[in-house]
Protein backbone atom coordinates (compact mmCIF):
# COMPACT_ATOMS: atom_id res chain seq x y z
CA MET A 1 45.60 -19.30 -20.95
CA LEU A 2 44.56 -18.82 -17.31
CA LYS A 3 42.82 -15.54 -18.08
CA ILE A 4 40.79 -17.19 -20.86
CA ALA A 5 39.51 -19.92 -18.44
CA ILE A 6 38.69 -17.52 -15.59
CA ILE A 7 36.48 -15.13 -17.51
CA PRO A 8 33.80 -17.75 -18.55
CA ILE A 9 33.82 -19.20 -15.02
CA LEU A 10 33.27 -15.78 -13.43
CA THR A 11 30.53 -15.04 -15.91
CA ILE A 12 28.74 -18.25 -15.09
CA PHE A 13 28.90 -17.56 -11.31
CA THR A 14 27.66 -14.03 -11.81
CA LEU A 15 24.70 -15.15 -13.88
CA LEU A 16 23.81 -17.79 -11.34
CA SER A 17 23.90 -15.36 -8.46
CA LEU A 18 21.80 -12.89 -10.38
CA SER A 19 19.13 -15.40 -11.27
CA ASN A 20 18.90 -16.52 -7.59
CA THR A 21 18.42 -12.91 -6.49
CA ALA A 22 15.72 -12.34 -9.13
CA LEU A 23 13.70 -15.33 -7.87
CA ALA A 24 13.68 -14.28 -4.19
CA ASP A 25 10.42 -14.14 -2.33
CA TYR A 26 9.76 -11.26 -0.04
CA LEU A 27 7.81 -10.55 3.15
CA THR A 28 4.62 -8.62 2.42
CA SER A 29 2.95 -8.38 5.84
CA GLN A 30 2.61 -9.96 9.28
CA GLY A 31 -0.32 -10.41 11.55
CA ALA A 32 -2.07 -12.63 14.08
CA GLY A 33 -5.46 -14.02 14.83
CA GLY A 34 -6.84 -16.69 17.12
CA ASP A 35 -3.86 -18.60 18.59
CA TYR A 36 -1.71 -18.10 15.51
CA ARG A 37 0.69 -15.61 13.86
CA TYR A 38 1.44 -15.40 10.16
CA GLU A 39 3.85 -13.92 7.66
CA LEU A 40 2.45 -13.27 4.15
CA TRP A 41 5.13 -13.82 1.50
CA SER A 42 4.99 -12.94 -2.19
CA SER A 43 6.95 -14.13 -5.19
CA ASP A 44 9.24 -11.49 -6.65
CA ASP A 45 6.93 -10.96 -9.57
CA GLY A 46 3.72 -10.96 -7.41
CA SER A 47 2.36 -14.01 -9.22
CA TYR A 48 1.69 -15.99 -6.03
CA TYR A 49 1.45 -15.55 -2.30
CA TYR A 50 1.79 -17.95 0.59
CA LEU A 51 1.65 -17.93 4.41
CA LYS A 52 4.04 -19.07 7.00
CA ILE A 53 2.13 -19.83 10.19
CA TRP A 54 3.24 -20.20 13.80
CA SER A 55 1.41 -20.86 17.08
CA ASP A 56 1.34 -17.63 19.01
CA LYS A 57 3.48 -19.36 21.71
CA ALA A 58 6.15 -20.54 19.21
CA ASP A 59 9.45 -18.74 18.77
CA PRO A 60 9.17 -16.76 15.47
CA ASN A 61 12.88 -17.48 14.85
CA ASN A 62 12.09 -21.16 14.49
CA ASP A 63 10.71 -22.80 11.35
CA PRO A 64 7.00 -22.17 10.83
CA ASP A 65 4.53 -24.77 12.12
CA SER A 66 2.91 -24.67 8.67
CA THR A 67 3.54 -23.22 5.21
CA THR A 68 0.46 -22.98 2.94
CA ARG A 69 -0.04 -23.70 -0.65
CA SER A 70 0.27 -20.85 -3.22
CA PHE A 71 -2.57 -18.34 -3.60
CA ALA A 72 -3.24 -16.12 -6.62
CA SER A 73 -3.67 -13.02 -4.42
CA SER A 74 -2.86 -11.71 -0.93
CA ARG A 75 -6.60 -11.39 -0.27
CA GLU A 76 -7.11 -15.14 -0.91
CA ALA A 77 -4.22 -15.98 1.40
CA LEU A 78 -5.47 -13.78 4.23
CA ILE A 79 -9.01 -15.15 3.88
CA TYR A 80 -7.60 -18.63 4.16
CA PHE A 81 -5.83 -17.55 7.42
CA ASP A 82 -8.91 -15.94 8.83
CA CYS A 83 -11.10 -18.95 8.08
CA ASN A 84 -8.72 -21.71 9.07
CA TYR A 85 -6.63 -20.26 11.88
CA ALA A 86 -8.14 -17.08 13.23
CA GLY A 87 -11.55 -18.66 13.73
CA LYS A 88 -13.42 -15.92 11.90
CA SER A 89 -16.78 -16.49 10.30
CA LEU A 90 -16.59 -14.70 6.99
CA PRO A 91 -18.94 -15.12 4.04
CA GLU A 92 -15.96 -16.42 2.06
CA CYS A 93 -15.25 -19.21 4.60
CA PRO A 94 -16.39 -22.71 3.53
CA LYS A 95 -19.35 -23.93 5.54
């Protein structure tokens, strides 16, 4: 009886741990500009990107000062950083 109850419980825990692993985001790149540093993160399937941003004086082991919204591409995310944090004047930057 005990064996019958343990198998479904182990199966459920295994499936839950696999689904959490499959949904993990991963670090794509790091950089800096102006007075800020960033980490560019991507969803596991590459469907969205976002930035974690710190002041260049902040400890990178602490939580980021800001986490951006999702972007459709890494290019969009990095343009956002350059325009809003690095102080660059790119054609893509809003006027």
